[in-house]
Protein backbone atom coordinates (compact mmCIF):
# COMPACT_ATOMS: atom_id res chain seq x y z
CA UNK A 1 -4.45 3.63 8.76
CA UNK A 2 -3.26 3.81 5.17
CA UNK A 3 -0.53 6.37 5.91
CA UNK A 4 0.68 4.32 8.89
CA UNK A 5 0.96 1.23 6.67
CA UNK A 6 2.60 3.33 3.94
CA UNK A 7 5.30 4.40 6.39
CA UNK A 8 6.30 0.75 6.81
CA UNK A 9 6.93 0.48 3.07
CA UNK A 10 9.81 2.94 3.31
CA UNK A 11 13.29 1.46 3.49
CA UNK A 12 13.91 0.39 7.11
CA UNK A 13 15.97 2.75 9.23
CA UNK A 14 16.36 3.61 12.90
CA UNK A 15 12.72 4.75 13.09
CA UNK A 16 11.26 1.48 11.81
CA UNK A 17 10.16 0.15 15.20
CA UNK A 18 8.56 3.52 16.07
CA UNK A 19 6.64 3.38 12.78
CA UNK A 20 5.66 -0.21 13.58
CA UNK A 21 4.22 0.85 16.95
CA UNK A 22 2.39 3.80 15.37
CA UNK A 23 0.85 1.48 12.80
CA UNK A 24 -0.28 -0.92 15.53
CA UNK A 25 -2.07 1.97 17.25
CA UNK A 26 -3.66 3.10 13.98
CA UNK A 27 -4.93 -0.39 13.14
CA UNK A 28 -6.21 -1.18 16.63
CA UNK A 29 -9.70 -0.02 15.67
CA UNK A 30 -9.41 -1.12 12.05
CA UNK A 31 -10.96 -4.03 10.19
CA UNK A 32 -10.21 -7.40 11.79
CA UNK A 33 -8.65 -8.90 8.64
CA UNK A 34 -6.22 -5.98 8.25
CA UNK A 35 -5.35 -5.93 11.96
CA UNK A 36 -4.77 -9.68 12.03
CA UNK A 37 -2.48 -9.62 8.98
CA UNK A 38 -0.60 -6.67 10.45
CA UNK A 39 -0.12 -8.46 13.78
CA UNK A 40 1.41 -11.39 11.89
CA UNK A 41 3.82 -8.96 10.24
CA UNK A 42 4.62 -7.24 13.51
CA UNK A 43 5.32 -10.47 15.37
CA UNK A 44 7.75 -11.59 12.65
CA UNK A 45 9.73 -8.34 12.47
CA UNK A 46 9.58 -7.16 16.09
CA UNK A 47 12.89 -8.73 17.11
CA UNK A 48 14.82 -7.87 13.95
CA UNK A 49 17.43 -5.13 13.91
CA UNK A 50 17.73 -2.52 11.15
CA UNK A 51 20.37 -4.50 9.24
CA UNK A 52 18.17 -7.62 9.14
CA UNK A 53 15.14 -5.56 8.15
CA UNK A 54 17.09 -3.79 5.41
CA UNK A 55 18.26 -7.09 3.95
CA UNK A 56 14.73 -8.49 4.04
CA UNK A 57 13.30 -5.34 2.43
CA UNK A 58 15.91 -5.37 -0.34
CA UNK A 59 15.45 -9.08 -1.01
CA UNK A 60 11.66 -8.71 -1.05
CA UNK A 61 11.07 -5.55 -3.04
CA UNK A 62 14.27 -4.49 -4.79
CA UNK A 63 15.61 -7.85 -5.99
CA UNK A 64 12.27 -9.30 -7.08
CA UNK A 65 10.55 -7.37 -9.89
CA UNK A 66 7.30 -9.24 -9.24
CA UNK A 67 7.15 -7.53 -5.84
CA UNK A 68 8.32 -4.09 -6.91
CA UNK A 69 6.51 -1.37 -4.98
CA UNK A 70 5.86 0.74 -8.11
CA UNK A 71 2.12 0.60 -8.72
CA UNK A 72 2.36 1.75 -12.35
CA UNK A 73 4.79 -1.03 -13.21
CA UNK A 74 2.25 -3.63 -12.06
CA UNK A 75 -0.56 -1.95 -13.97
CA UNK A 76 1.22 -1.11 -17.23
CA UNK A 77 4.66 -2.70 -17.31
CA UNK A 78 6.97 -0.66 -19.50
CA UNK A 79 4.14 0.60 -21.72
CA UNK A 80 3.58 4.28 -22.50
CA UNK A 81 0.64 4.35 -20.08
CA UNK A 82 3.04 3.94 -17.17
CA UNK A 83 4.69 7.25 -18.01
CA UNK A 84 1.29 8.94 -18.06
CA UNK A 85 0.49 7.30 -14.71
CA UNK A 86 3.77 8.60 -13.23
CA UNK A 87 2.96 12.13 -14.41
CA UNK A 88 -0.54 11.84 -12.95
CA UNK A 89 0.86 10.58 -9.65
CA UNK A 90 3.40 13.41 -9.46
CA UNK A 91 0.60 15.95 -9.92
CA UNK A 92 -1.55 14.17 -7.38
CA UNK A 93 1.24 14.17 -4.80
CA UNK A 94 1.82 17.89 -5.33
CA UNK A 95 -1.88 18.66 -5.11
CA UNK A 96 -2.21 16.74 -1.85
CA UNK A 97 0.99 18.25 -0.36
CA UNK A 98 2.74 14.88 -0.15
CA UNK A 99 6.49 15.37 -0.40
CA UNK A 100 8.35 13.21 -2.88
CA UNK A 101 11.49 11.43 -1.81
CA UNK A 102 13.98 9.25 -3.66
CA UNK A 103 11.19 6.84 -4.70
CA UNK A 104 9.22 7.23 -7.92
CA UNK A 105 5.83 8.96 -7.58
CA UNK A 106 3.98 5.67 -8.11
CA UNK A 107 5.66 3.95 -5.14
CA UNK A 108 3.00 2.21 -3.07
CA UNK A 109 3.88 4.28 -0.02
CA UNK A 110 3.11 7.50 -1.94
CA UNK A 111 -0.04 6.04 -3.47
CA UNK A 112 -1.42 4.94 -0.08
CA UNK A 113 -0.68 8.36 1.41
CA UNK A 114 -2.46 9.99 -1.53
CA UNK A 115 -5.49 7.73 -1.16
CA UNK A 116 -5.78 8.63 2.50
CA UNK A 117 -5.99 12.35 1.62
CA UNK A 118 -8.37 12.16 -1.35
CA UNK A 119 -12.11 12.73 -1.22
CA UNK A 120 -13.85 9.46 -0.31
CA UNK A 121 -15.34 8.59 -3.70
CA UNK A 122 -12.17 9.56 -5.58
CA UNK A 123 -10.05 7.51 -3.18
CA UNK A 124 -12.31 4.48 -3.48
CA UNK A 125 -12.07 4.56 -7.28
CA UNK A 126 -8.27 5.05 -7.22
CA UNK A 127 -7.85 2.21 -4.74
CA UNK A 128 -10.13 -0.17 -6.66
CA UNK A 129 -8.74 0.58 -10.11
CA UNK A 130 -5.04 1.01 -9.30
CA UNK A 131 -3.93 0.04 -5.82
CA UNK A 132 -5.91 -3.15 -5.31
CA UNK A 133 -4.82 -4.82 -8.58
CA UNK A 134 -1.19 -3.80 -8.01
CA UNK A 135 -1.10 -5.07 -4.41
CA UNK A 136 -2.69 -8.36 -5.45
CA UNK A 137 -0.03 -8.78 -8.15
CA UNK A 138 2.68 -8.07 -5.58
CA UNK A 139 1.22 -10.73 -3.30
CA UNK A 140 1.05 -13.17 -6.21
CA UNK A 141 4.71 -12.53 -7.02
CA UNK A 142 5.94 -13.14 -3.50
CA UNK A 143 7.59 -16.55 -3.64
CA UNK A 144 8.36 -16.96 0.06
CA UNK A 145 5.27 -17.87 2.07
CA UNK A 146 7.20 -17.09 5.26
CA UNK A 147 8.19 -13.55 4.21
CA UNK A 148 6.89 -11.09 6.83
CA UNK A 149 6.16 -8.49 4.14
CA UNK A 150 3.52 -10.85 2.74
CA UNK A 151 1.48 -10.10 5.86
CA UNK A 152 1.98 -6.34 5.50
CA UNK A 153 0.72 -6.51 1.91
CA UNK A 154 -2.22 -8.65 3.09
CA UNK A 155 -3.07 -5.96 5.67
CA UNK A 156 -3.00 -3.31 2.94
CA UNK A 157 -5.08 -5.46 0.59
CA UNK A 158 -7.69 -5.92 3.31
CA UNK A 159 -8.25 -2.15 3.40
CA UNK A 160 -8.61 -1.76 -0.36
CA UNK A 161 -11.82 -2.19 -2.34
CA UNK A 162 -11.74 -4.35 -5.43
CA UNK A 163 -13.02 -3.09 -8.77
CA UNK A 164 -16.00 -5.49 -8.40
CA UNK A 165 -16.86 -3.73 -5.10
CA UNK A 166 -16.77 -0.39 -6.89
CA UNK A 167 -19.05 -1.67 -9.67
CA UNK A 168 -21.53 -3.05 -7.13
CA UNK A 169 -21.59 0.24 -5.20
CA UNK A 170 -22.17 2.21 -8.42
CA UNK A 171 -25.00 -0.12 -9.44
CA UNK A 172 -26.64 0.25 -6.02
CA UNK A 173 -26.77 4.01 -6.41
CA UNK A 174 -25.70 7.03 -4.38
CA UNK A 175 -27.62 6.04 -1.23
CA UNK A 176 -25.39 3.01 -0.74
CA UNK A 177 -22.09 4.86 -0.34
CA UNK A 178 -19.90 3.59 2.43
CA UNK A 179 -18.13 5.84 4.86
CA UNK A 180 -14.38 5.70 4.27
CA UNK A 181 -11.73 5.63 6.98
CA UNK A 182 -8.12 6.57 6.36
């Protein structure tokens, strides 16, 4: 599920609608909240052509720093820690055989793909400590309520644990671990 959603965070091209259909199939058996948010996204973008989608993507993520898709920027801003996070992400991508593209290693699409390939406990911690806070900041920075990408980010957020969830699971002990689905 996470990799299918990650694919929709790439700049729209001629394969966008194929990726949209693949994501719908992946989320069909997913959590209701994520599937519902995704269906809202899908219904709003289904009739758009690549040019319209590209303009929407650029306006949403590239022209609005509050919605930037770089996880490290939301966590650390321009502080030194962001550089360390980028280095860590680059190593993680290499270790998980995730090819880099023109995006920085901390791009949400790379981070979601990495989380889907990590061991369950490691992924849960990474999602709770890094991805969840970043995605929630992105949602908070999205000014347009009617923006379809709001629903895509809501679908992603619905799949991510919060740090409070991680703390509760740790307090409950090892017998309370949840099975993770990618």
